Amino acid sequence: MTPEMAIDIFKNVILFALYIVAPFLGVTLVVGLITSLLQSVTSIQEATLAFAPKLIALTLLCIALGPWLLRSMTEFTIRILTQMGTLGH
């Protein structure tokens, strides 16, 4: 394995991780902003109000994106293992 091949595999893994995590980060950001805005408008500074909506949103997102996540991770794993199998030749 050459250093270029190792860097390419590492780059693919990092980009795939960002691809998988991006929807969760986006939803958490939007829900957090909305929650903070509502808390500042209503002057309610309860800690659970900041945490509970994010938890509910992420749970619903996991349920909605579950099949896509499983398919994407399976395809990526197969592609990486296939690529690693051809490195010895």
Protein backbone atom coordinates (compact mmCIF):
# COMPACT_ATOMS: atom_id res chain seq x y z
CA MET A 1 0.00 0.00 0.00
CA THR A 2 1.38 3.35 -1.01
CA PRO A 3 0.96 6.49 1.06
CA GLU A 4 -1.32 7.91 -1.65
CA MET A 5 -3.66 4.92 -1.34
CA ALA A 6 -3.75 5.25 2.46
CA ILE A 7 -4.50 8.97 2.20
CA ASP A 8 -7.26 8.27 -0.33
CA ILE A 9 -8.90 5.68 1.95
CA PHE A 10 -8.61 8.03 4.94
CA LYS A 11 -10.12 10.89 2.91
CA ASN A 12 -13.02 8.67 1.84
CA VAL A 13 -13.70 7.64 5.44
CA ILE A 14 -13.67 11.23 6.71
CA LEU A 15 -15.96 12.46 3.90
CA PHE A 16 -18.35 9.57 4.45
CA ALA A 17 -18.49 10.29 8.18
CA LEU A 18 -19.37 13.92 7.44
CA TYR A 19 -21.98 12.77 4.93
CA ILE A 20 -23.63 10.55 7.56
CA VAL A 21 -23.46 13.06 10.42
CA ALA A 22 -24.56 16.17 8.46
CA PRO A 23 -28.34 15.61 8.74
CA PHE A 24 -28.09 15.11 12.49
CA LEU A 25 -25.96 18.21 12.97
CA GLY A 26 -28.31 20.26 10.81
CA VAL A 27 -31.44 19.17 12.66
CA THR A 28 -29.79 19.73 16.03
CA LEU A 29 -28.68 23.20 14.96
CA VAL A 30 -32.13 24.22 13.71
CA VAL A 31 -33.99 22.81 16.72
CA GLY A 32 -31.48 24.41 19.09
CA LEU A 33 -31.85 27.80 17.42
CA ILE A 34 -35.65 27.64 17.52
CA THR A 35 -35.63 26.51 21.14
CA SER A 36 -33.21 29.27 22.14
CA LEU A 37 -35.30 31.86 20.33
CA LEU A 38 -38.47 30.69 22.05
CA GLN A 39 -36.73 30.66 25.44
CA SER A 40 -35.44 34.19 25.00
CA VAL A 41 -38.83 35.48 23.82
CA THR A 42 -40.74 33.87 26.69
CA SER A 43 -37.98 34.39 29.31
CA ILE A 44 -38.21 30.73 30.33
CA GLN A 45 -34.73 29.46 31.16
CA GLU A 46 -35.44 25.82 31.92
CA ALA A 47 -32.58 23.46 31.08
CA THR A 48 -34.84 20.62 29.98
CA LEU A 49 -36.48 22.88 27.39
CA ALA A 50 -33.15 23.11 25.61
CA PHE A 51 -32.47 19.38 25.76
CA ALA A 52 -35.81 17.63 25.27
CA PRO A 53 -36.72 19.02 21.80
CA LYS A 54 -33.29 18.09 20.45
CA LEU A 55 -33.61 14.59 21.83
CA ILE A 56 -37.07 14.15 20.33
CA ALA A 57 -35.97 15.56 16.96
CA LEU A 58 -32.92 13.30 16.82
CA THR A 59 -34.99 10.25 17.76
CA LEU A 60 -37.49 10.98 14.99
CA LEU A 61 -34.64 11.59 12.55
CA CYS A 62 -33.02 8.25 13.47
CA ILE A 63 -36.31 6.50 12.78
CA ALA A 64 -36.81 8.33 9.49
CA LEU A 65 -33.24 7.93 8.23
CA GLY A 66 -32.62 4.44 9.59
CA PRO A 67 -32.96 2.59 6.27
CA TRP A 68 -30.83 5.16 4.44
CA LEU A 69 -28.14 5.03 7.14
CA LEU A 70 -28.04 1.24 7.08
CA ARG A 71 -27.89 1.08 3.28
CA SER A 72 -25.22 3.80 3.04
CA MET A 73 -23.00 2.25 5.71
CA THR A 74 -23.38 -1.21 4.19
CA GLU A 75 -22.45 0.01 0.71
CA PHE A 76 -19.50 1.97 2.06
CA THR A 77 -18.22 -0.98 4.08
CA ILE A 78 -18.46 -3.29 1.07
CA ARG A 79 -16.68 -0.72 -1.11
CA ILE A 80 -13.85 -0.21 1.41
CA LEU A 81 -13.39 -3.95 2.03
CA THR A 82 -13.33 -4.61 -1.70
CA GLN A 83 -10.81 -1.83 -2.16
CA MET A 84 -8.66 -3.27 0.65
CA GLY A 85 -8.82 -6.70 -0.96
CA THR A 86 -7.31 -5.35 -4.16
CA LEU A 87 -4.45 -3.56 -2.36
CA GLY A 88 -2.29 -6.67 -2.13
CA HIS A 89 -2.08 -7.13 -5.89
